[in-house]
Amino acid sequence: MTDRICRGDTLCSPHREVYRQNGKPVVFIEPYTHLLLDDKLFDNSESLLNRDGVLDVWTSLKIELRKEGIEAHTTDFIPAEERDDVVFIVNTVNSDSKLHERLGSRNDICFGSYYLPEPPVDASFNARSPYRRLDALSGIYRRVYASPLSDAIGELKNVPTEFSARQFFYPNSPSGPLDEYWGNRDRKFLVMINSPNYSPMRQYELYSERIRALDYFGERSLIDLYGHRWREACLQSPLLGLLRIARRPSVRSFGRWLSGLQTRRAAKHILNAYKGTCGSKYDTLSQYHFALAYENFRIRGYITEKMLDCLFVGTIPVYWGEPEIEKWVPKECYIDRREFTTYADLHAYLQSLTEDDRMRYREAGKAFVESESFYPFSKEAFAESFIADVKEDLEAIDCAAGQEASVAGAARLIA
């Protein structure tokens, strides 16, 4: 035994017991933004923080934890001073977390699970990327979860090859079709809901492909665009505006990217398509037949809500992202952008679809989100996995305490 409570798979100080509240063990979660501290992570009554029910994942998790006799709080409830009699189980869903640095010297912390939902958009170029520290994180936390598959991460340049990470999907709040939106029949043609960004990893990124799509469909007034910062990006100097948003240091490489896309022309077409921000993505998506659902990054295992949000509301996604997406979602549910050489080809196909054709896509998507195949993407699956991990941590700590008690008892018998 070492002096650490939990560091990787190592337990120590077995005289400690897990921290309890009213007799129940407590797990502490670091949220993905400081705005959700003070247990706001588990409060879905605040409309500004719970837009489109994003916090339902966490309120549901807390309910399921309580059914198992476990309480949950955000990490700001951990006492500032180290305790010598208890263990605090800590999990983080903050990709930029420095919690292990702040609490790493304490002997009363069990670092349980670290969740990395964001893709490695700059991992090969940014030494501060969490993907560059997966080996260290694997030694700090008892388990590390990342959205892409481990072998796919290991193929990236400058990323450690010796690490342990389990694949997971960030959970979706809806557990099936949203009937109030799915049945909407009064629909326009095409929509995209995204914000501008940049990645230097050109082999994998799809930010620039969104610009190309907006350039084509925006020029023809065939797409409506929603999201943050597009007007700022387009009305300023295209280079300086988008560079400031991207927050990347290399003006030269970013300038090449912009000029290659003929950005000044594209900016005019983007402004032509831009409708501002949307109050509800589900309500907005449900007003269109099709949506461009491009992931930020093309890497195996990385599937976000972008396609699934469409399926919840009966909108047909034009998808580009996970290279083996058909292994996860039936091809009948979406239109694969990779099957079209140009946007003119895609445009012609979308316009050729009859109402019956569109309904077949919609019904297939509905059947998928109602099926067991959707379960890995659900908040129920996330809660099941999360609770199993917490129980594993509790058992490990109790086992260590039990071993200490056995040693003490044997010593008394010998005496």
Protein backbone atom coordinates (compact mmCIF):
# COMPACT_ATOMS: atom_id res chain seq x y z
CA MET A 1 0.00 0.00 0.00
CA THR A 2 1.13 3.56 -0.78
CA ASP A 3 0.09 6.80 0.84
CA ARG A 4 -2.28 7.72 -1.98
CA ILE A 5 -6.00 7.04 -1.79
CA CYS A 6 -6.45 6.45 -5.50
CA ARG A 7 -3.87 7.00 -8.16
CA GLY A 8 -4.63 4.89 -11.18
CA ASP A 9 -5.46 1.50 -9.69
CA THR A 10 -3.52 2.13 -6.46
CA LEU A 11 -5.26 2.53 -3.10
CA CYS A 12 -3.70 3.52 0.19
CA SER A 13 -4.30 4.83 3.65
CA PRO A 14 -6.83 2.07 4.29
CA HIS A 15 -7.84 3.53 7.64
CA ARG A 16 -9.90 6.09 5.73
CA GLU A 17 -13.53 5.54 4.74
CA VAL A 18 -15.43 7.11 1.88
CA TYR A 19 -16.98 10.48 2.71
CA ARG A 20 -20.67 10.16 3.60
CA GLN A 21 -23.59 12.53 3.98
CA ASN A 22 -26.47 11.42 6.16
CA GLY A 23 -24.97 7.96 6.09
CA LYS A 24 -24.81 7.82 2.27
CA PRO A 25 -21.57 7.78 0.24
CA VAL A 26 -20.99 10.88 -1.89
CA VAL A 27 -19.43 11.23 -5.33
CA PHE A 28 -18.20 14.63 -6.49
CA ILE A 29 -18.38 15.74 -10.15
CA GLU A 30 -16.48 18.59 -11.77
CA PRO A 31 -18.83 20.08 -14.41
CA TYR A 32 -17.77 21.21 -17.88
CA THR A 33 -18.19 24.89 -16.93
CA HIS A 34 -17.80 26.82 -13.68
CA LEU A 35 -21.33 28.16 -14.20
CA LEU A 36 -22.62 24.75 -13.11
CA LEU A 37 -20.80 24.62 -9.79
CA ASP A 38 -22.78 24.99 -6.55
CA ASP A 39 -24.77 21.93 -7.68
CA LYS A 40 -26.29 23.82 -10.61
CA LEU A 41 -25.20 20.82 -12.71
CA PHE A 42 -28.12 18.93 -11.19
CA ASP A 43 -30.69 21.75 -11.44
CA ASN A 44 -32.62 21.73 -14.71
CA SER A 45 -35.03 24.47 -13.61
CA GLU A 46 -32.82 27.32 -14.88
CA SER A 47 -33.81 27.84 -18.51
CA LEU A 48 -30.66 29.72 -19.53
CA LEU A 49 -28.38 26.92 -18.33
CA ASN A 50 -30.70 24.11 -19.39
CA ARG A 51 -31.45 25.09 -22.96
CA ASP A 52 -32.85 22.12 -24.89
CA GLY A 53 -32.67 20.07 -21.70
CA VAL A 54 -28.87 19.67 -21.70
CA LEU A 55 -28.86 19.30 -17.91
CA ASP A 56 -31.44 16.50 -17.96
CA VAL A 57 -28.49 14.09 -18.30
CA TRP A 58 -27.19 15.16 -14.92
CA THR A 59 -30.47 15.53 -13.07
CA SER A 60 -31.35 12.04 -14.27
CA LEU A 61 -27.97 10.74 -13.13
CA LYS A 62 -28.47 12.18 -9.65
CA ILE A 63 -31.86 10.49 -9.41
CA GLU A 64 -30.37 7.14 -10.43
CA LEU A 65 -27.50 7.54 -7.96
CA ARG A 66 -29.96 8.19 -5.14
CA LYS A 67 -31.82 5.00 -6.05
CA GLU A 68 -28.53 3.23 -5.32
CA GLY A 69 -28.09 5.08 -2.02
CA ILE A 70 -25.40 7.43 -3.36
CA GLU A 71 -25.41 11.23 -3.19
CA ALA A 72 -23.78 13.58 -5.72
CA HIS A 73 -22.39 17.11 -5.49
CA THR A 74 -20.21 19.32 -7.64
CA THR A 75 -16.55 19.48 -6.66
CA ASP A 76 -16.74 22.89 -4.98
CA PHE A 77 -18.39 21.07 -2.05
CA ILE A 78 -15.12 19.26 -1.27
CA PRO A 79 -13.65 20.85 1.90
CA ALA A 80 -10.70 23.14 1.29
CA GLU A 81 -8.64 21.45 3.98
CA GLU A 82 -7.44 17.87 3.69
CA ARG A 83 -9.13 15.31 5.92
CA ASP A 84 -7.27 12.39 7.51
CA ASP A 85 -10.29 10.16 8.11
CA VAL A 86 -12.22 10.10 4.81
CA VAL A 87 -11.85 9.73 1.05
CA PHE A 88 -13.53 12.05 -1.49
CA ILE A 89 -14.36 10.33 -4.80
CA VAL A 90 -13.86 12.78 -7.67
CA ASN A 91 -14.94 12.54 -11.32
CA THR A 92 -14.54 15.22 -14.00
CA VAL A 93 -16.35 15.92 -17.27
CA ASN A 94 -14.24 19.02 -17.89
CA SER A 95 -11.73 18.42 -20.70
CA ASP A 96 -9.62 21.34 -19.46
CA SER A 97 -9.73 20.19 -15.87
CA LYS A 98 -6.86 21.16 -13.58
CA LEU A 99 -8.52 19.47 -10.63
CA HIS A 100 -5.85 16.79 -10.36
CA GLU A 101 -3.22 19.53 -10.21
CA ARG A 102 -5.06 21.45 -7.53
CA LEU A 103 -5.93 18.41 -5.41
CA GLY A 104 -3.10 16.12 -6.47
CA SER A 105 -1.04 16.65 -3.33
CA ARG A 106 -3.88 15.65 -1.03
CA ASN A 107 -4.11 12.18 0.46
CA ASP A 108 -7.90 12.22 0.81
CA ILE A 109 -8.81 12.25 -2.90
CA CYS A 110 -9.78 9.28 -5.06
CA PHE A 111 -9.58 10.34 -8.71
CA GLY A 112 -12.25 8.09 -10.19
CA SER A 113 -13.16 8.85 -13.84
CA TYR A 114 -11.96 11.49 -16.27
CA TYR A 115 -14.26 12.11 -19.26
CA LEU A 116 -12.89 13.65 -22.46
CA PRO A 117 -15.88 14.36 -24.73
CA GLU A 118 -14.15 16.83 -27.08
CA PRO A 119 -12.31 15.65 -30.22
CA PRO A 120 -8.52 16.05 -30.62
CA VAL A 121 -8.88 19.06 -32.94
CA ASP A 122 -5.37 20.39 -32.19
CA ALA A 123 -3.70 17.45 -30.44
CA SER A 124 -0.81 17.17 -32.89
CA PHE A 125 0.07 20.88 -32.59
CA ASN A 126 -0.92 21.93 -29.07
CA ALA A 127 1.23 20.62 -26.24
CA ARG A 128 -1.51 21.60 -23.77
CA SER A 129 -4.14 19.38 -25.42
CA PRO A 130 -5.52 16.81 -22.97
CA TYR A 131 -4.89 14.18 -25.66
CA ARG A 132 -1.16 14.87 -25.31
CA ARG A 133 -1.47 14.01 -21.60
CA LEU A 134 -3.47 10.81 -21.85
CA ASP A 135 -0.57 8.79 -20.48
CA ALA A 136 -0.32 11.02 -17.41
CA LEU A 137 -4.09 11.16 -16.95
CA SER A 138 -4.24 7.36 -17.12
CA GLY A 139 -1.86 7.27 -14.18
CA ILE A 140 -3.84 9.76 -12.12
CA TYR A 141 -7.43 8.63 -12.63
CA ARG A 142 -8.62 5.09 -12.07
CA ARG A 143 -10.16 5.24 -15.55
CA VAL A 144 -10.13 7.64 -18.50
CA TYR A 145 -12.97 7.91 -21.04
CA ALA A 146 -12.53 9.51 -24.47
CA SER A 147 -15.00 9.84 -27.32
CA PRO A 148 -12.73 8.49 -30.09
CA LEU A 149 -11.54 4.89 -30.06
CA SER A 150 -8.16 4.38 -28.38
CA ASP A 151 -6.45 2.92 -31.44
CA ALA A 152 -7.67 5.85 -33.54
CA ILE A 153 -6.25 8.31 -30.99
CA GLY A 154 -2.95 6.45 -31.04
CA GLU A 155 -2.65 7.03 -34.78
CA LEU A 156 -2.48 10.82 -34.32
CA LYS A 157 0.88 12.54 -34.55
CA ASN A 158 2.50 13.57 -31.24
CA VAL A 159 -0.08 11.76 -29.11
CA PRO A 160 1.19 9.20 -26.55
CA THR A 161 0.83 5.58 -27.56
CA GLU A 162 1.01 4.18 -24.03
CA PHE A 163 -2.26 5.07 -22.33
CA SER A 164 -5.47 3.45 -21.19
CA ALA A 165 -8.76 5.01 -22.35
CA ARG A 166 -12.25 3.62 -22.71
CA GLN A 167 -14.53 4.85 -25.48
CA PHE A 168 -17.82 6.56 -24.60
CA PHE A 169 -20.51 8.68 -26.24
CA TYR A 170 -21.51 11.90 -24.54
CA PRO A 171 -25.11 11.16 -23.51
CA ASN A 172 -28.12 12.67 -25.24
CA SER A 173 -30.91 14.18 -23.15
CA PRO A 174 -33.86 12.86 -25.21
CA SER A 175 -34.53 9.14 -24.88
CA GLY A 176 -36.45 8.89 -28.13
CA PRO A 177 -38.32 10.95 -30.75
CA LEU A 178 -39.61 14.36 -29.67
CA ASP A 179 -43.17 14.03 -30.89
CA GLU A 180 -44.00 17.73 -30.55
CA TYR A 181 -41.35 18.46 -33.19
CA TRP A 182 -41.19 15.24 -35.21
CA GLY A 183 -44.69 15.69 -36.61
CA ASN A 184 -43.99 19.14 -38.04
CA ARG A 185 -44.89 18.99 -41.76
CA ASP A 186 -44.37 22.66 -42.66
CA ARG A 187 -40.65 22.53 -43.43
CA LYS A 188 -38.12 24.54 -45.40
CA PHE A 189 -35.21 23.07 -47.36
CA LEU A 190 -31.85 23.04 -45.54
CA VAL A 191 -30.32 24.28 -42.28
CA MET A 192 -27.03 24.23 -40.42
CA ILE A 193 -26.54 25.00 -36.71
CA ASN A 194 -22.88 25.56 -35.88
CA SER A 195 -20.35 28.21 -34.94
CA PRO A 196 -17.11 29.01 -36.81
CA ASN A 197 -13.87 27.45 -35.62
CA TYR A 198 -10.52 26.26 -36.89
CA SER A 199 -8.28 23.21 -36.57
CA PRO A 200 -4.76 22.88 -37.96
CA MET A 201 -5.28 19.12 -38.39
CA ARG A 202 -6.45 19.36 -41.97
CA GLN A 203 -6.53 15.61 -42.55
CA TYR A 204 -9.30 15.25 -39.96
CA GLU A 205 -11.10 18.58 -39.45
CA LEU A 206 -14.47 19.44 -40.99
CA TYR A 207 -14.73 23.12 -40.02
CA SER A 208 -13.48 24.13 -43.47
CA GLU A 209 -15.95 21.76 -45.14
CA ARG A 210 -18.80 23.59 -43.45
CA ILE A 211 -17.51 26.81 -45.01
CA ARG A 212 -17.50 25.18 -48.44
CA ALA A 213 -21.07 23.98 -47.96
CA LEU A 214 -22.20 27.43 -46.83
CA ASP A 215 -20.43 28.98 -49.79
CA TYR A 216 -22.33 26.79 -52.25
CA PHE A 217 -25.79 26.73 -50.69
CA GLY A 218 -25.59 30.30 -49.36
CA GLU A 219 -24.83 31.68 -52.82
CA ARG A 220 -28.05 30.07 -54.03
CA SER A 221 -30.11 31.09 -50.98
CA LEU A 222 -30.81 27.42 -50.26
CA ILE A 223 -29.63 27.21 -46.63
CA ASP A 224 -30.38 28.94 -43.33
CA LEU A 225 -27.49 29.23 -40.88
CA TYR A 226 -27.77 29.57 -37.09
CA GLY A 227 -25.03 29.87 -34.51
CA HIS A 228 -22.77 32.27 -32.65
CA ARG A 229 -20.05 34.62 -33.99
CA TRP A 230 -20.73 34.27 -37.73
CA ARG A 231 -21.58 37.94 -38.25
CA GLU A 232 -18.53 38.97 -36.27
CA ALA A 233 -16.40 36.69 -38.42
CA CYS A 234 -17.77 37.95 -41.71
CA LEU A 235 -18.18 41.70 -41.14
CA GLN A 236 -14.67 42.24 -39.87
CA SER A 237 -11.64 41.50 -41.95
CA PRO A 238 -12.25 37.82 -42.71
CA LEU A 239 -8.73 36.91 -41.63
CA LEU A 240 -8.65 38.87 -38.36
CA GLY A 241 -12.24 38.13 -37.38
CA LEU A 242 -12.05 34.39 -37.86
CA LEU A 243 -8.52 34.25 -36.47
CA ARG A 244 -9.65 35.91 -33.23
CA ILE A 245 -12.51 33.44 -32.93
CA ALA A 246 -10.25 30.49 -33.64
CA ARG A 247 -7.69 31.74 -31.06
CA ARG A 248 -4.84 30.06 -32.85
CA PRO A 249 -1.31 31.55 -32.90
CA SER A 250 -0.35 30.99 -36.54
CA VAL A 251 -1.57 33.84 -38.74
CA ARG A 252 0.37 32.47 -41.71
CA SER A 253 -1.18 28.98 -41.73
CA PHE A 254 -4.64 30.36 -40.99
CA GLY A 255 -4.29 32.88 -43.81
CA ARG A 256 -3.44 30.10 -46.26
CA TRP A 257 -6.53 28.21 -45.12
CA LEU A 258 -8.76 31.25 -45.61
CA SER A 259 -7.37 32.28 -48.96
CA GLY A 260 -7.66 28.71 -50.20
CA LEU A 261 -11.37 28.83 -49.46
CA GLN A 262 -11.83 32.23 -51.13
CA THR A 263 -13.14 33.45 -47.81
CA ARG A 264 -14.15 36.95 -48.80
CA ARG A 265 -16.58 35.54 -51.31
CA ALA A 266 -17.73 32.88 -48.86
CA ALA A 267 -18.29 35.55 -46.18
CA LYS A 268 -20.87 37.25 -48.40
CA HIS A 269 -22.69 33.96 -48.94
CA ILE A 270 -22.55 33.11 -45.23
CA LEU A 271 -24.12 36.46 -44.33
CA ASN A 272 -26.79 35.76 -46.91
CA ALA A 273 -27.62 32.53 -45.07
CA TYR A 274 -27.13 33.71 -41.49
CA LYS A 275 -30.29 34.00 -39.34
CA GLY A 276 -28.66 34.60 -35.95
CA THR A 277 -28.79 32.31 -32.95
CA CYS A 278 -31.65 29.94 -32.25
CA GLY A 279 -33.57 29.62 -29.00
CA SER A 280 -34.09 25.87 -29.32
CA LYS A 281 -32.10 23.66 -31.66
CA TYR A 282 -34.90 21.09 -31.69
CA ASP A 283 -37.53 23.66 -32.67
CA THR A 284 -35.24 25.12 -35.33
CA LEU A 285 -34.19 21.77 -36.82
CA SER A 286 -37.82 20.65 -37.01
CA GLN A 287 -38.57 23.47 -39.44
CA TYR A 288 -36.40 21.92 -42.18
CA HIS A 289 -36.36 18.79 -44.32
CA PHE A 290 -32.55 18.48 -44.21
CA ALA A 291 -29.68 19.56 -41.97
CA LEU A 292 -25.94 19.57 -42.57
CA ALA A 293 -24.68 17.50 -39.65
CA TYR A 294 -20.89 17.60 -39.92
CA GLU A 295 -18.80 16.57 -36.95
CA ASN A 296 -15.91 18.81 -35.95
CA PHE A 297 -13.46 15.98 -36.56
CA ARG A 298 -13.27 12.77 -38.56
CA ILE A 299 -12.03 10.01 -36.28
CA ARG A 300 -13.35 6.55 -35.46
CA GLY A 301 -15.68 6.39 -32.47
CA TYR A 302 -16.40 10.12 -32.30
CA ILE A 303 -20.16 10.60 -32.76
CA THR A 304 -21.89 13.60 -31.19
CA GLU A 305 -25.43 14.87 -30.99
CA LYS A 306 -25.25 16.49 -34.45
CA MET A 307 -26.86 13.59 -36.28
CA LEU A 308 -29.04 12.39 -33.42
CA ASP A 309 -30.61 15.81 -32.82
CA CYS A 310 -31.95 15.60 -36.36
CA LEU A 311 -33.38 12.12 -35.85
CA PHE A 312 -35.17 13.21 -32.67
CA VAL A 313 -37.20 15.79 -34.63
CA GLY A 314 -37.70 14.06 -37.97
CA THR A 315 -35.11 16.07 -39.92
CA ILE A 316 -32.89 14.18 -42.36
CA PRO A 317 -29.19 14.63 -41.53
CA VAL A 318 -26.59 15.03 -44.24
CA TYR A 319 -23.80 13.47 -42.23
CA TRP A 320 -20.03 13.62 -42.40
CA GLY A 321 -17.81 12.52 -39.55
CA GLU A 322 -17.23 9.07 -38.07
CA PRO A 323 -15.56 7.10 -40.91
CA GLU A 324 -17.46 3.92 -39.99
CA ILE A 325 -20.74 5.53 -39.03
CA GLU A 326 -22.77 2.73 -40.63
CA LYS A 327 -21.57 0.42 -37.83
CA TRP A 328 -23.42 2.58 -35.32
CA VAL A 329 -26.36 4.10 -37.21
CA PRO A 330 -28.23 2.40 -40.10
CA LYS A 331 -27.55 3.97 -43.50
CA GLU A 332 -31.29 4.34 -44.06
CA CYS A 333 -31.38 7.08 -41.38
CA TYR A 334 -29.09 9.64 -42.99
CA ILE A 335 -27.54 10.91 -46.21
CA ASP A 336 -23.80 10.23 -46.38
CA ARG A 337 -22.05 13.35 -47.68
CA ARG A 338 -19.06 11.25 -48.79
CA GLU A 339 -21.17 9.65 -51.53
CA PHE A 340 -21.27 12.93 -53.49
CA THR A 341 -18.30 14.32 -55.40
CA THR A 342 -19.50 17.93 -55.36
CA TYR A 343 -22.08 20.05 -53.60
CA ALA A 344 -23.88 20.36 -56.90
CA ASP A 345 -24.29 16.57 -56.85
CA LEU A 346 -25.58 16.67 -53.28
CA HIS A 347 -27.93 19.52 -54.14
CA ALA A 348 -29.37 17.61 -57.09
CA TYR A 349 -29.94 14.53 -54.94
CA LEU A 350 -31.70 16.44 -52.17
CA GLN A 351 -34.02 18.12 -54.66
CA SER A 352 -34.77 14.81 -56.37
CA LEU A 353 -36.23 13.24 -53.23
CA THR A 354 -40.00 12.97 -53.17
CA GLU A 355 -42.13 13.34 -50.06
CA ASP A 356 -42.30 9.54 -49.84
CA ASP A 357 -38.50 9.32 -50.11
CA ARG A 358 -38.06 11.82 -47.32
CA MET A 359 -40.58 9.99 -45.15
CA ARG A 360 -38.61 6.75 -45.52
CA TYR A 361 -35.50 8.46 -44.15
CA ARG A 362 -37.52 10.03 -41.34
CA GLU A 363 -39.23 6.80 -40.32
CA ALA A 364 -35.90 4.93 -40.36
CA GLY A 365 -34.39 7.57 -38.06
CA LYS A 366 -37.36 7.37 -35.72
CA ALA A 367 -37.13 3.57 -35.60
CA PHE A 368 -33.43 3.83 -34.72
CA VAL A 369 -33.84 6.21 -31.75
CA GLU A 370 -36.66 3.98 -30.50
CA SER A 371 -34.54 0.83 -30.78
CA GLU A 372 -32.01 -0.82 -28.48
CA SER A 373 -29.26 0.19 -30.90
CA PHE A 374 -29.68 3.77 -29.67
CA TYR A 375 -29.02 2.78 -26.06
CA PRO A 376 -25.21 3.44 -26.10
CA PHE A 377 -25.97 7.10 -26.94
CA SER A 378 -28.55 7.55 -24.17
CA LYS A 379 -28.39 9.16 -20.74
CA GLU A 380 -29.61 5.85 -19.33
CA ALA A 381 -26.52 4.04 -20.65
CA PHE A 382 -24.26 6.77 -19.28
CA ALA A 383 -25.90 6.55 -15.85
CA GLU A 384 -25.53 2.77 -15.80
CA SER A 385 -21.81 2.97 -16.60
CA PHE A 386 -21.19 5.87 -14.22
CA ILE A 387 -22.88 4.14 -11.30
CA ALA A 388 -21.00 0.89 -11.95
CA ASP A 389 -17.71 2.82 -11.81
CA VAL A 390 -18.69 4.59 -8.57
CA LYS A 391 -19.59 1.25 -7.00
CA GLU A 392 -16.21 -0.10 -8.10
CA ASP A 393 -14.47 2.82 -6.38
CA LEU A 394 -16.54 2.36 -3.23
CA GLU A 395 -15.73 -1.32 -3.14
CA ALA A 396 -12.01 -0.65 -3.59
CA ILE A 397 -11.96 1.86 -0.74
CA ASP A 398 -14.03 -0.40 1.54
CA CYS A 399 -11.77 -3.31 0.68
CA ALA A 400 -8.69 -1.30 1.67
CA ALA A 401 -10.35 -0.32 4.95
CA GLY A 402 -11.32 -3.94 5.56
CA GLN A 403 -7.75 -5.08 5.01
CA GLU A 404 -6.55 -2.56 7.58
CA ALA A 405 -9.12 -3.85 10.09
CA SER A 406 -8.03 -7.44 9.47
CA VAL A 407 -4.37 -6.57 10.01
CA ALA A 408 -5.20 -4.73 13.22
CA GLY A 409 -7.29 -7.66 14.49
CA ALA A 410 -4.54 -10.15 13.74
CA ALA A 411 -2.03 -7.99 15.58
CA ARG A 412 -4.24 -7.97 18.67
CA LEU A 413 -4.59 -11.77 18.57
CA ILE A 414 -0.84 -12.21 18.33
CA ALA A 415 -0.34 -9.82 21.21
